[in-house]
Protein backbone atom coordinates (compact mmCIF):
# COMPACT_ATOMS: atom_id res chain seq x y z
CA MET A 1 0.00 0.00 0.00
CA ARG A 2 1.33 3.42 -0.97
CA GLN A 3 2.15 5.59 2.02
CA LYS A 4 0.23 8.85 2.19
CA VAL A 5 2.53 11.90 2.20
CA GLU A 6 1.55 14.62 4.65
CA PHE A 7 2.12 18.28 3.89
CA TYR A 8 1.76 20.75 6.71
CA THR A 9 2.06 23.85 4.53
CA TRP A 10 1.31 24.68 0.91
CA ALA A 11 4.99 25.56 0.42
CA GLU A 12 6.07 22.04 1.39
CA ARG A 13 3.68 20.62 -1.18
CA ILE A 14 5.24 22.83 -3.88
CA ALA A 15 8.77 21.85 -2.79
CA SER A 16 7.85 18.18 -2.94
CA GLU A 17 6.49 18.57 -6.46
CA LEU A 18 9.55 20.51 -7.63
CA LYS A 19 11.91 17.99 -6.08
CA LYS A 20 10.84 15.56 -8.81
CA ARG A 21 12.54 17.79 -11.37
CA LYS A 22 16.14 16.77 -11.68
CA VAL A 23 17.74 20.21 -11.99
CA LYS A 24 20.95 21.56 -10.48
CA LYS A 25 19.22 24.70 -9.25
CA HIS A 26 15.64 25.80 -8.81
CA VAL A 27 14.89 29.30 -10.04
CA VAL A 28 11.84 30.92 -8.47
CA HIS A 29 10.34 34.06 -9.97
CA GLY A 30 8.06 36.94 -9.12
CA MET A 31 7.31 39.51 -11.82
CA TRP A 32 5.79 42.97 -11.49
CA THR A 33 5.31 45.98 -13.76
CA PRO A 34 6.36 49.20 -11.95
CA SER A 35 3.68 51.37 -13.51
CA GLY A 36 1.89 52.39 -10.29
CA TYR A 37 1.55 51.74 -6.59
CA PHE A 38 2.53 48.35 -5.20
CA HIS A 39 0.17 47.05 -2.49
CA LEU A 40 -0.24 44.02 -0.24
CA GLY A 41 -2.32 42.21 -2.85
CA ASN A 42 0.62 42.48 -5.25
CA SER A 43 3.03 41.38 -2.54
CA ARG A 44 1.20 38.09 -2.06
CA THR A 45 1.64 37.15 -5.72
CA GLU A 46 4.99 38.63 -6.62
CA ILE A 47 6.97 38.44 -3.37
CA PHE A 48 5.69 36.21 -0.59
CA THR A 49 4.36 33.24 -2.55
CA PRO A 50 7.63 32.74 -4.49
CA ALA A 51 9.78 33.70 -1.48
CA ILE A 52 8.07 31.22 0.85
CA ALA A 53 8.26 28.52 -1.84
CA ALA A 54 11.99 29.26 -2.23
CA GLU A 55 12.51 28.88 1.52
CA ALA A 56 10.70 25.53 1.47
CA LEU A 57 12.96 24.39 -1.36
CA LYS A 58 16.05 25.39 0.62
CA ASP A 59 14.71 23.58 3.68
CA ALA A 60 14.37 20.49 1.48
CA GLY A 61 18.10 20.76 0.69
CA LEU A 62 17.67 22.09 -2.86
CA LYS A 63 19.79 24.86 -4.34
CA THR A 64 17.47 27.77 -4.99
CA GLU A 65 17.53 31.28 -6.45
CA PHE A 66 14.75 33.85 -6.11
CA ASN A 67 14.50 36.58 -8.76
CA LEU A 68 12.04 39.44 -8.70
CA PHE A 69 11.54 40.87 -12.19
CA PHE A 70 10.70 44.47 -12.77
CA ASP A 71 9.01 44.62 -16.16
CA ASP A 72 10.26 48.15 -16.74
CA PHE A 73 10.36 47.69 -20.52
CA ASP A 74 6.56 47.62 -20.44
CA ASP A 75 4.69 50.55 -21.93
CA PHE A 76 3.62 53.62 -20.00
CA ASP A 77 -0.07 53.47 -20.95
CA LYS A 78 -1.79 55.56 -18.29
CA ILE A 79 -1.25 57.85 -15.32
CA PRO A 80 -2.54 55.98 -12.26
CA ALA A 81 -5.04 57.63 -9.95
CA GLY A 82 -3.41 59.32 -7.00
CA VAL A 83 -0.09 60.08 -8.72
CA LYS A 84 0.42 63.82 -8.44
CA VAL A 85 1.98 64.91 -11.72
CA ASP A 86 1.27 67.47 -14.40
CA LYS A 87 -1.08 65.39 -16.53
CA LYS A 88 -0.48 67.28 -19.78
CA LYS A 89 3.28 67.11 -19.31
CA PHE A 90 3.28 63.35 -18.74
CA GLU A 91 0.72 62.41 -21.38
CA ARG A 92 3.28 63.10 -24.09
CA HIS A 93 5.28 60.15 -22.72
CA LEU A 94 2.41 57.67 -23.14
CA GLY A 95 3.55 54.58 -25.03
CA LEU A 96 7.22 54.84 -24.08
CA PRO A 97 8.96 52.18 -21.96
CA LEU A 98 8.52 52.88 -18.25
CA ARG A 99 12.27 53.27 -17.84
CA GLU A 100 12.26 56.17 -20.31
CA VAL A 101 9.47 58.14 -18.62
CA PRO A 102 10.50 60.87 -16.13
CA SER A 103 10.00 60.18 -12.44
CA PRO A 104 7.08 61.82 -10.59
CA SER A 105 9.74 62.84 -8.04
CA PRO A 106 13.17 64.37 -8.73
CA LYS A 107 14.66 61.95 -6.17
CA TYR A 108 14.46 59.10 -8.69
CA LYS A 109 15.83 58.63 -12.19
CA ASN A 110 12.64 57.52 -13.95
CA TRP A 111 9.03 56.41 -13.57
CA ALA A 112 9.92 52.75 -13.04
CA GLU A 113 12.51 53.43 -10.35
CA TYR A 114 10.09 55.71 -8.50
CA PHE A 115 7.59 52.87 -8.06
CA GLU A 116 10.18 50.11 -7.62
CA ARG A 117 11.35 51.87 -4.44
CA GLN A 118 8.12 50.65 -2.76
CA ILE A 119 9.66 47.19 -2.82
CA VAL A 120 13.41 47.81 -2.83
CA GLU A 121 13.34 50.03 0.25
CA VAL A 122 11.29 47.71 2.49
CA VAL A 123 11.36 44.11 1.27
CA ASP A 124 14.40 43.11 3.35
CA LYS A 125 12.53 44.19 6.49
CA PHE A 126 10.18 41.28 5.77
CA GLY A 127 13.10 38.84 5.60
CA VAL A 128 13.00 38.61 1.79
CA LYS A 129 16.12 39.24 -0.28
CA PRO A 130 15.44 38.62 -3.98
CA ASN A 131 17.74 39.31 -6.87
CA PHE A 132 16.21 42.32 -8.62
CA VAL A 133 16.17 41.92 -12.41
CA SER A 134 15.28 44.65 -14.91
CA SER A 135 13.61 43.49 -18.12
CA TYR A 136 14.67 46.78 -19.78
CA ASP A 137 18.34 46.09 -19.01
CA SER A 138 17.96 42.42 -19.94
CA TYR A 139 16.66 43.35 -23.40
CA LYS A 140 19.27 46.08 -23.88
CA HIS A 141 22.07 43.68 -22.90
CA GLY A 142 20.89 41.14 -25.45
CA LYS A 143 19.55 38.46 -23.10
CA TYR A 144 16.32 38.20 -25.08
CA ASP A 145 17.97 38.24 -28.53
CA LYS A 146 17.96 34.45 -28.84
CA ALA A 147 14.28 34.23 -27.86
CA ILE A 148 13.36 36.94 -30.37
CA LYS A 149 15.24 35.12 -33.12
CA ILE A 150 13.43 31.87 -32.30
CA VAL A 151 10.04 33.63 -32.49
CA LEU A 152 10.97 35.29 -35.81
CA GLU A 153 12.05 31.98 -37.30
CA LYS A 154 8.86 30.27 -36.09
CA ALA A 155 6.51 33.24 -36.56
CA GLU A 156 3.84 31.30 -38.44
CA GLU A 157 3.84 28.49 -35.86
CA VAL A 158 3.66 31.05 -33.04
CA SER A 159 0.63 32.71 -34.62
CA ASN A 160 -1.08 29.35 -35.11
CA ILE A 161 -0.57 28.35 -31.47
CA TRP A 162 -1.72 31.80 -30.31
CA GLU A 163 -4.93 31.42 -32.31
CA GLU A 164 -5.47 27.82 -31.24
CA VAL A 165 -5.03 28.47 -27.49
CA ALA A 166 -6.24 32.06 -27.09
CA GLY A 167 -8.86 32.09 -29.84
CA LYS A 168 -7.36 35.04 -31.69
CA ARG A 169 -4.48 35.62 -34.08
CA PRO A 170 -1.88 38.38 -33.62
CA LYS A 171 -1.47 40.98 -36.36
CA GLY A 172 1.61 40.65 -38.52
CA ILE A 173 4.80 39.16 -37.10
CA PRO A 174 4.43 38.68 -33.32
CA ILE A 175 7.37 40.92 -32.37
CA MET A 176 7.07 44.55 -31.25
CA ALA A 177 9.64 46.73 -33.00
CA ILE A 178 10.62 49.87 -31.10
CA CYS A 179 9.97 52.83 -33.39
CA GLU A 180 13.20 54.67 -34.21
CA LYS A 181 11.40 57.99 -34.39
CA CYS A 182 8.99 58.08 -31.41
CA GLY A 183 10.45 55.28 -29.25
CA ARG A 184 7.15 53.42 -28.87
CA GLY A 185 6.56 49.71 -29.29
CA LEU A 186 2.85 49.24 -28.66
CA THR A 187 1.92 51.32 -31.74
CA THR A 188 4.11 49.42 -34.22
CA LEU A 189 3.19 46.58 -36.56
CA SER A 190 5.98 44.26 -37.70
CA THR A 191 5.32 43.23 -41.28
CA GLU A 192 8.41 41.40 -42.58
CA TYR A 193 11.63 39.79 -41.40
CA ASP A 194 14.32 39.29 -44.06
CA GLY A 195 16.73 37.37 -41.89
CA THR A 196 18.57 40.49 -40.77
CA PHE A 197 16.10 43.35 -40.50
CA LEU A 198 12.61 43.55 -39.06
CA HIS A 199 10.41 45.86 -41.15
CA TYR A 200 7.68 47.75 -39.33
CA SER A 201 5.28 50.66 -39.47
CA CYS A 202 4.33 52.83 -36.49
CA ASP A 203 0.73 53.37 -37.52
CA GLN A 204 -1.29 51.39 -34.97
CA GLU A 205 -3.59 52.65 -32.24
CA SER A 206 -3.37 50.94 -28.86
CA LYS A 207 -4.94 51.93 -25.54
CA GLY A 208 -5.87 55.30 -27.00
CA ILE A 209 -2.29 55.98 -28.12
CA MET A 210 -1.70 56.59 -31.85
CA GLY A 211 1.53 55.77 -33.70
CA CYS A 212 3.64 58.53 -35.22
CA GLY A 213 3.29 57.15 -38.79
CA TYR A 214 6.95 56.36 -39.35
CA SER A 215 8.00 53.22 -41.25
CA GLY A 216 11.42 51.64 -41.12
CA LYS A 217 13.51 48.61 -40.34
CA ILE A 218 15.65 47.59 -37.36
CA LYS A 219 17.89 44.77 -36.31
CA PRO A 220 15.73 42.97 -33.71
CA GLU A 221 18.38 42.89 -30.99
CA LYS A 222 19.74 44.79 -27.99
CA GLY A 223 16.35 46.23 -27.08
CA ASN A 224 15.39 47.41 -30.59
CA ALA A 225 12.46 45.00 -30.37
CA LYS A 226 10.62 43.19 -27.62
CA LEU A 227 8.27 40.28 -27.22
CA HIS A 228 4.54 40.51 -26.63
CA TRP A 229 3.64 39.63 -23.04
CA ARG A 230 2.32 36.19 -24.00
CA LEU A 231 5.77 35.40 -25.45
CA HIS A 232 7.86 37.46 -23.06
CA TRP A 233 6.73 35.34 -20.10
CA PRO A 234 7.76 31.91 -21.50
CA ALA A 235 10.90 33.41 -23.05
CA THR A 236 11.91 34.53 -19.55
CA TRP A 237 11.44 30.96 -18.29
CA MET A 238 13.81 29.73 -21.02
CA ILE A 239 16.45 32.42 -20.47
CA PHE A 240 16.59 32.14 -16.69
CA GLY A 241 15.70 28.47 -16.22
CA THR A 242 12.58 29.20 -14.17
CA THR A 243 11.13 26.21 -12.30
CA PHE A 244 8.45 27.96 -10.21
CA GLU A 245 6.45 31.15 -10.59
CA SER A 246 3.25 32.52 -9.14
CA GLY A 247 0.92 34.87 -10.95
CA GLY A 248 -2.38 36.64 -10.48
CA LYS A 249 -5.47 34.48 -11.02
CA ASP A 250 -6.44 36.59 -14.06
CA HIS A 251 -3.51 35.04 -15.99
CA PHE A 252 -5.00 31.57 -15.44
CA THR A 253 -8.34 32.00 -17.18
CA PRO A 254 -8.91 29.58 -20.10
CA GLY A 255 -6.89 30.81 -23.07
CA GLY A 256 -5.07 33.30 -20.87
CA SER A 257 -1.36 34.02 -20.74
CA ALA A 258 -0.62 30.99 -18.54
CA ASP A 259 -2.12 28.66 -21.15
CA THR A 260 -0.33 30.30 -24.09
CA GLY A 261 2.86 30.52 -22.03
CA LYS A 262 2.90 26.78 -21.41
CA ALA A 263 2.20 26.06 -25.09
CA PHE A 264 4.94 28.41 -26.31
CA ALA A 265 7.40 27.05 -23.73
CA GLU A 266 6.99 23.49 -24.99
CA LYS A 267 6.41 23.98 -28.72
CA ILE A 268 8.42 27.11 -29.52
CA PHE A 269 11.19 27.36 -26.92
CA GLY A 270 11.52 23.63 -26.30
CA ILE A 271 11.50 23.74 -22.50
CA GLN A 272 9.45 22.29 -19.69
CA PRO A 273 7.21 25.05 -18.30
CA PRO A 274 7.76 25.94 -14.67
CA LEU A 275 5.30 24.91 -12.01
CA LEU A 276 2.83 27.78 -12.13
CA VAL A 277 0.53 28.73 -9.25
CA GLY A 278 -2.22 31.29 -9.53
CA THR A 279 -2.83 33.42 -6.46
CA ASP A 280 -6.23 34.72 -5.50
CA PHE A 281 -7.08 38.24 -4.43
CA LEU A 282 -6.58 39.95 -1.12
CA ASN A 283 -9.98 41.46 -0.35
CA VAL A 284 -10.46 44.38 1.99
CA ASP A 285 -14.02 44.86 3.23
CA GLY A 286 -15.13 42.43 0.52
CA LYS A 287 -13.43 44.32 -2.32
CA LYS A 288 -10.27 43.37 -4.20
CA MET A 289 -7.37 45.52 -3.05
CA ALA A 290 -6.69 47.89 -5.94
CA GLY A 291 -5.64 51.46 -6.53
CA SER A 292 -8.83 52.13 -8.48
CA VAL A 293 -10.90 51.12 -5.44
CA GLY A 294 -8.79 53.23 -3.07
CA ASN A 295 -8.26 50.47 -0.47
CA VAL A 296 -4.52 50.17 -1.01
CA ILE A 297 -2.22 49.24 1.88
CA SER A 298 1.48 49.12 1.04
CA MET A 299 4.21 47.05 2.63
CA ALA A 300 5.56 50.23 4.23
CA ASP A 301 2.07 50.96 5.60
CA TRP A 302 1.97 47.49 7.19
CA LEU A 303 5.19 48.15 9.10
CA GLU A 304 3.55 51.17 10.73
CA PHE A 305 0.96 49.08 12.60
CA ALA A 306 2.09 45.44 12.64
CA GLU A 307 5.16 43.24 12.76
CA PRO A 308 6.48 41.94 9.41
CA GLU A 309 6.24 38.38 10.74
CA LEU A 310 2.48 38.81 11.06
CA LEU A 311 2.13 39.49 7.33
CA ARG A 312 4.33 36.53 6.49
CA PHE A 313 2.16 34.39 8.78
CA MET A 314 -1.01 35.52 7.02
CA TYR A 315 0.40 34.36 3.68
CA VAL A 316 1.92 31.16 5.06
CA THR A 317 -1.42 30.11 6.55
CA SER A 318 -3.43 30.94 3.41
CA PRO A 319 -2.89 28.69 0.36
CA PRO A 320 -2.19 30.87 -2.72
CA ARG A 321 -5.35 29.80 -4.53
CA LYS A 322 -7.55 30.80 -1.59
CA VAL A 323 -8.93 34.32 -1.44
CA ILE A 324 -7.96 36.26 1.70
CA ASN A 325 -10.78 38.31 3.18
CA PHE A 326 -9.08 40.85 5.35
CA ASP A 327 -9.66 44.21 6.92
CA LEU A 328 -8.16 46.37 9.62
CA THR A 329 -11.32 47.66 11.24
CA THR A 330 -12.89 44.49 12.65
CA ASN A 331 -11.71 41.67 14.88
CA LYS A 332 -10.25 39.81 11.86
CA PHE A 333 -6.97 41.61 12.43
CA PHE A 334 -6.98 40.78 16.15
CA LEU A 335 -7.78 37.15 15.33
CA LEU A 336 -4.80 37.00 12.96
CA ALA A 337 -2.52 38.32 15.72
CA ASP A 338 -4.02 35.88 18.24
CA LYS A 339 -3.53 32.97 15.84
CA TYR A 340 0.11 33.98 15.38
CA ASP A 341 0.63 34.14 19.16
CA LYS A 342 -0.96 30.72 19.49
CA ALA A 343 1.37 29.26 16.86
CA GLU A 344 4.31 30.73 18.75
CA ARG A 345 3.23 29.12 22.03
CA ILE A 346 2.82 25.78 20.30
CA TYR A 347 6.21 26.04 18.62
CA PHE A 348 7.90 26.52 22.00
CA GLY A 349 5.74 23.90 23.74
CA LYS A 350 3.94 26.41 26.00
CA LEU A 351 0.43 25.19 25.30
CA THR A 352 -2.63 26.51 27.10
CA GLU A 353 -5.45 24.12 27.99
CA ARG A 354 -7.32 25.35 24.94
CA ASP A 355 -4.27 24.81 22.71
CA LYS A 356 -4.10 21.20 23.89
CA GLN A 357 -7.53 20.55 22.39
CA GLU A 358 -6.05 20.74 18.87
CA ASN A 359 -5.17 17.45 17.17
CA GLU A 360 -1.54 16.47 16.65
CA LYS A 361 -1.49 17.33 12.95
CA ARG A 362 -2.89 20.80 13.56
CA LEU A 363 -0.30 21.45 16.27
CA GLU A 364 2.50 20.39 13.94
CA GLN A 365 1.07 22.54 11.16
CA LEU A 366 1.00 25.65 13.37
CA LYS A 367 4.58 24.97 14.50
CA ARG A 368 5.81 24.86 10.92
CA GLN A 369 3.78 27.89 9.88
CA TYR A 370 5.27 29.85 12.76
CA LYS A 371 8.81 28.83 11.85
CA ILE A 372 8.41 29.83 8.18
CA SER A 373 6.95 33.18 9.29
CA GLN A 374 10.07 34.14 11.23
CA ILE A 375 12.75 36.49 10.01
CA ASN A 376 15.01 35.70 12.96
CA LEU A 377 13.75 32.66 14.86
CA PRO A 378 13.79 33.36 18.64
CA LYS A 379 15.95 31.00 20.69
CA LYS A 380 13.37 30.85 23.47
CA MET A 381 9.71 31.65 23.98
CA PRO A 382 9.25 35.44 24.13
CA VAL A 383 6.89 37.04 26.65
CA GLN A 384 3.66 37.69 24.77
CA LEU A 385 1.40 40.72 24.89
CA SER A 386 -1.72 40.22 22.79
CA TYR A 387 -2.44 42.88 20.21
CA SER A 388 -5.83 43.55 21.81
CA TYR A 389 -4.20 44.35 25.19
CA ALA A 390 -1.58 46.43 23.41
CA VAL A 391 -4.47 48.45 21.95
CA VAL A 392 -5.86 49.06 25.45
CA ILE A 393 -2.50 50.09 26.88
CA ALA A 394 -1.79 52.34 23.91
CA GLN A 395 -5.03 54.24 24.59
CA THR A 396 -4.80 54.49 28.35
CA ARG A 397 -1.10 54.97 29.07
CA ASP A 398 1.81 57.08 27.89
CA VAL A 399 3.43 54.66 25.42
CA GLY A 400 6.66 56.64 25.64
CA ASN A 401 6.89 56.11 29.41
CA LYS A 402 8.57 52.72 29.78
CA LYS A 403 8.24 52.70 33.58
CA GLU A 404 4.50 53.32 33.42
CA VAL A 405 3.90 50.62 30.81
CA LEU A 406 6.03 48.09 32.68
CA SER A 407 4.05 48.86 35.84
CA VAL A 408 0.82 48.04 34.01
CA LEU A 409 2.30 44.82 32.65
CA LYS A 410 3.37 43.79 36.15
CA SER A 411 -0.17 44.42 37.39
CA LEU A 412 -1.45 42.25 34.55
CA GLY A 413 0.70 39.40 35.82
CA TYR A 414 3.75 39.81 33.60
CA GLU A 415 6.98 39.04 35.42
CA LYS A 416 10.61 38.50 34.45
CA ILE A 417 10.43 40.25 31.11
CA ASP A 418 13.81 39.81 29.43
CA ALA A 419 15.35 42.52 27.26
CA ALA A 420 14.32 40.93 23.95
CA SER A 421 10.71 40.47 25.11
CA GLU A 422 10.60 43.99 26.50
CA LYS A 423 11.69 45.38 23.15
CA ARG A 424 9.06 43.31 21.38
CA ILE A 425 6.29 44.32 23.78
CA PHE A 426 7.05 48.03 23.48
CA ASN A 427 7.18 47.72 19.72
CA ARG A 428 3.73 46.08 19.68
CA VAL A 429 2.30 48.84 21.89
CA LYS A 430 3.77 51.44 19.53
CA LEU A 431 2.32 49.62 16.50
CA ALA A 432 -1.06 49.36 18.23
CA LYS A 433 -1.04 53.13 18.83
CA ALA A 434 -0.47 53.69 15.09
CA TRP A 435 -3.31 51.28 14.26
CA ILE A 436 -5.67 53.15 16.60
CA ASP A 437 -4.81 56.50 15.04
CA LYS A 438 -5.28 55.32 11.45
CA TYR A 439 -7.65 52.36 11.31
CA ALA A 440 -9.49 51.68 14.57
CA PRO A 441 -13.31 51.87 14.44
CA GLU A 442 -15.16 53.85 17.10
CA THR A 443 -16.24 50.60 18.78
CA VAL A 444 -12.62 49.89 19.72
CA LYS A 445 -11.65 53.38 20.78
CA ILE A 446 -11.60 53.86 24.53
CA LYS A 447 -12.87 56.89 26.34
CA VAL A 448 -13.33 56.34 30.05
CA VAL A 449 -16.33 58.10 31.57
CA GLU A 450 -15.34 60.85 34.00
CA LYS A 451 -18.66 61.23 35.78
CA VAL A 452 -21.52 58.76 36.28
CA SER A 453 -24.72 60.37 35.06
CA ALA A 454 -27.76 60.81 37.29
CA GLU A 455 -29.72 58.69 34.81
CA VAL A 456 -27.35 55.73 35.25
CA LYS A 457 -27.43 56.05 39.04
CA LYS A 458 -31.22 56.10 39.02
CA SER A 459 -31.40 52.99 36.81
CA LEU A 460 -29.38 50.81 39.21
CA SER A 461 -31.14 48.40 41.54
CA LYS A 462 -30.21 48.04 45.19
CA GLY A 463 -28.57 44.69 44.46
CA GLN A 464 -26.51 46.16 41.62
CA LYS A 465 -25.31 49.02 43.83
CA THR A 466 -24.29 46.56 46.55
CA ALA A 467 -22.40 44.46 43.99
CA ILE A 468 -20.54 47.56 42.83
CA LYS A 469 -19.55 48.34 46.44
CA ASP A 470 -18.14 44.82 46.71
CA LEU A 471 -16.17 45.42 43.52
CA ILE A 472 -14.66 48.58 44.99
CA GLU A 473 -13.43 46.51 47.96
CA ILE A 474 -11.88 43.91 45.65
CA LEU A 475 -10.10 46.66 43.71
CA LYS A 476 -8.25 47.58 46.91
CA LYS A 477 -6.56 44.13 46.99
CA LYS A 478 -4.25 44.75 43.98
CA LEU A 479 -5.18 41.55 42.16
CA ASP A 480 -3.77 40.69 38.74
CA GLY A 481 -6.01 40.77 35.68
CA ASP A 482 -7.13 37.14 35.73
CA LYS A 483 -7.93 37.12 39.45
CA LEU A 484 -9.85 40.37 39.15
CA GLN A 485 -11.83 38.91 36.25
CA TYR A 486 -12.74 35.91 38.40
CA GLY A 487 -13.60 38.19 41.34
CA ILE A 488 -16.08 40.16 39.23
CA TYR A 489 -17.68 36.91 38.13
CA GLU A 490 -18.00 35.72 41.77
CA ILE A 491 -19.59 39.03 42.83
CA SER A 492 -22.30 38.64 40.19
CA LYS A 493 -23.09 35.14 41.46
CA LYS A 494 -23.14 36.31 45.10
CA HIS A 495 -25.79 38.92 44.32
CA ASN A 496 -27.83 36.71 41.94
CA ILE A 497 -26.96 38.84 38.93
CA GLN A 498 -26.32 37.14 35.59
CA PRO A 499 -22.56 37.51 34.87
CA LYS A 500 -23.25 38.82 31.36
CA GLU A 501 -25.65 41.42 32.78
CA PHE A 502 -23.13 42.53 35.42
CA PHE A 503 -20.29 42.83 32.92
CA GLU A 504 -22.48 44.83 30.54
CA LEU A 505 -23.47 47.07 33.44
CA LEU A 506 -19.82 47.77 34.27
CA TYR A 507 -18.91 48.44 30.63
CA GLY A 508 -21.79 50.89 30.50
CA ILE A 509 -20.59 52.73 33.61
CA ILE A 510 -16.90 52.80 32.63
CA LEU A 511 -17.09 53.20 28.85
CA ASN A 512 -20.72 54.01 28.10
CA LYS A 513 -20.72 50.89 25.88
CA HIS A 514 -22.32 47.45 26.08
CA GLN A 515 -19.02 45.61 25.68
CA GLY A 516 -15.27 46.06 25.65
CA PRO A 517 -11.95 44.31 26.28
CA ARG A 518 -11.73 41.54 28.89
CA LEU A 519 -12.76 43.49 31.96
CA GLY A 520 -10.29 42.38 34.64
CA PRO A 521 -7.11 43.17 32.71
CA PHE A 522 -8.82 46.20 31.18
CA ILE A 523 -9.50 47.80 34.57
CA ILE A 524 -5.84 47.36 35.50
CA ALA A 525 -4.74 48.79 32.16
CA ILE A 526 -6.79 51.98 32.47
CA GLY A 527 -5.92 52.33 36.18
CA ILE A 528 -7.52 50.81 39.27
CA GLU A 529 -7.61 54.14 41.10
CA LYS A 530 -9.44 55.76 38.21
CA VAL A 531 -12.08 53.00 38.20
CA LYS A 532 -12.45 53.07 41.99
CA LYS A 533 -13.02 56.81 41.88
CA LEU A 534 -15.64 56.40 39.15
CA LEU A 535 -17.51 53.57 40.88
CA SER A 536 -17.45 55.44 44.20
CA GLN A 537 -19.76 58.05 42.65
CA ILE A 538 -22.58 55.49 42.75
């Protein structure tokens, strides 16, 4: 009987599949066009899916290289929303390669470099160090010359395959000559190849951009010509020996560029296509993250409110083909942080009673997901502060006052906080403060009531008032958060008040809300003396 192979992460499954390929080195690719803003949805496809797969390959003992391609030879076909430039000034550059368009900022050499910085300047902070490859430079240095020659020699076969797989036939010879007069490629039509020169006319209209009308001939080499996307992708696999690549799900529709790419790889370039994986969207509030929607969060934005390991964990725990429904204004974000903390406890064998209820396979899965998520794996279990408690502390204490925050942590039951854990805890409180300022909904924001209203006082029964007096006495005992939580519960039972009713009553008095953070630790976080003073008004 064949033994069933277990995979604890999607990356391990990919590594196992790739291990069957007898190659000296696995080459993993991400590919992005630097035409506009790069957001977390892009990062899933172009950075983290290939990077995590590369790490799994290395863990399996396979030599691996991770390249991130900037398709900066692509055409500048529109000015993205939100880019503050002189529209009339930049419209005259439409149709040129992105590398030849001026930068929106004088700090950068060109349009492509301006947007590439969104990755280059932050990606290493997420523990990812790809080789950055420019398609513009690759063409100019002649790396694509061989592929272009193959396509020219097999032009008729290429067109037939294109029509057969995609259901449409390209115009003329399927190579884009770069016009010698206007510098555009998307407006040219290649009409003849005589073995040395590629004849073309720049008289096509594409994406609202009209050719200049010039006709000429060029040697199709050193960046004088480039491949259409459907050919450029498989040509890149041939040139760089790609064995794995992820791409957006839109490329994987029937007859799409993944289908034509595989066909061209096998029948035109004579190579085995890489293992391709389509990644689904990252949805925010039910909508695909996109600049046109206005729900863009960049990698740099993420670092303002959460640890980089938390983003890695989100991608590690979500198979690429599964849509991620995410937002920063509900408890989904807190649940992600809690799940990460749980995985950390399990990795270090510090299981809670609830953790122990998980089956063995799930525990092993969380351990592996935690390990892959790390940039620098801790040598021992760090002291944890949940993100939800960090949010409370950030709203009720001076986050810049280390002594004050440590005092609160001690009251919450935290003891023997080593230097590494202390640094981590203060960083999480700082991140939580940034999240509150930028993303937190009103339901999470804390504003402690200063004075109990006459209406509230009048609404309280005699039993409720007596229970509150008992709570004031308990607050004098300097209990930690858990013991205080239990004490509140016992008071409700003593006075025949439903625990839920008593907790809601206290939230109403303290916050003027029906619910809030776990009450025992919360009271300590906002200050026992403050709560005692408030309750004493009743």
